[in-house]
Amino acid sequence: MAKRKFEVAVKELRTINPKYSDIWIIDKVQFPFIRLIIKNSSGQPSIGILFNLRNYDYLPPLVKLMDTSFRRLLNPGEVPCVLDEEGRPHIVHSDNVLWFCEVGTFEYHSFYKEDPWELVRNTDKCNISSIVERTINLIDRAKL
């Protein structure tokens, strides 16, 4: 079941990618991973985001910020963040890992137990396209 749900997610991303190709491109797909390259505001490849959909029929995707070769996790100073209305970033550094503090990511739902994945996983807010769009929008691409 997880592989079938993964294939649906990949198809969804491939369908919308041409619309967003100036922002992100699909670098590689191999179950359970989807690798996206995020471009800066000038169109240059700048950051890699690794989505791990290992059990996507049951769990939200693990999301990792990486270099564009996908060999190294990024450090806090390497990822400029968009701040929310209260001046807070939603890319968090804890346990020596950067993670997106955003609904629909494994890290968010593991940290905020009071906001369980089970209640949102079948909503439009948590389809793979929405998760990709919201996580990328947390990165200040103009500062990459």
Foldseek 3Di string as FASTA:
>chain_A
DLVVLQVVLVVVCVVCCVVCVLAKDFDDDDPPWTKIFGAFNVSHGFWIKIWGSNPVVPAFTAIFIGGPVRPGGDFPVRFAFDADPVRHAQFDADPNGTDGCDPRHRVVCVVPVVDHCVVPCPDPCHRSVNVVVVRSNGTNRNVD
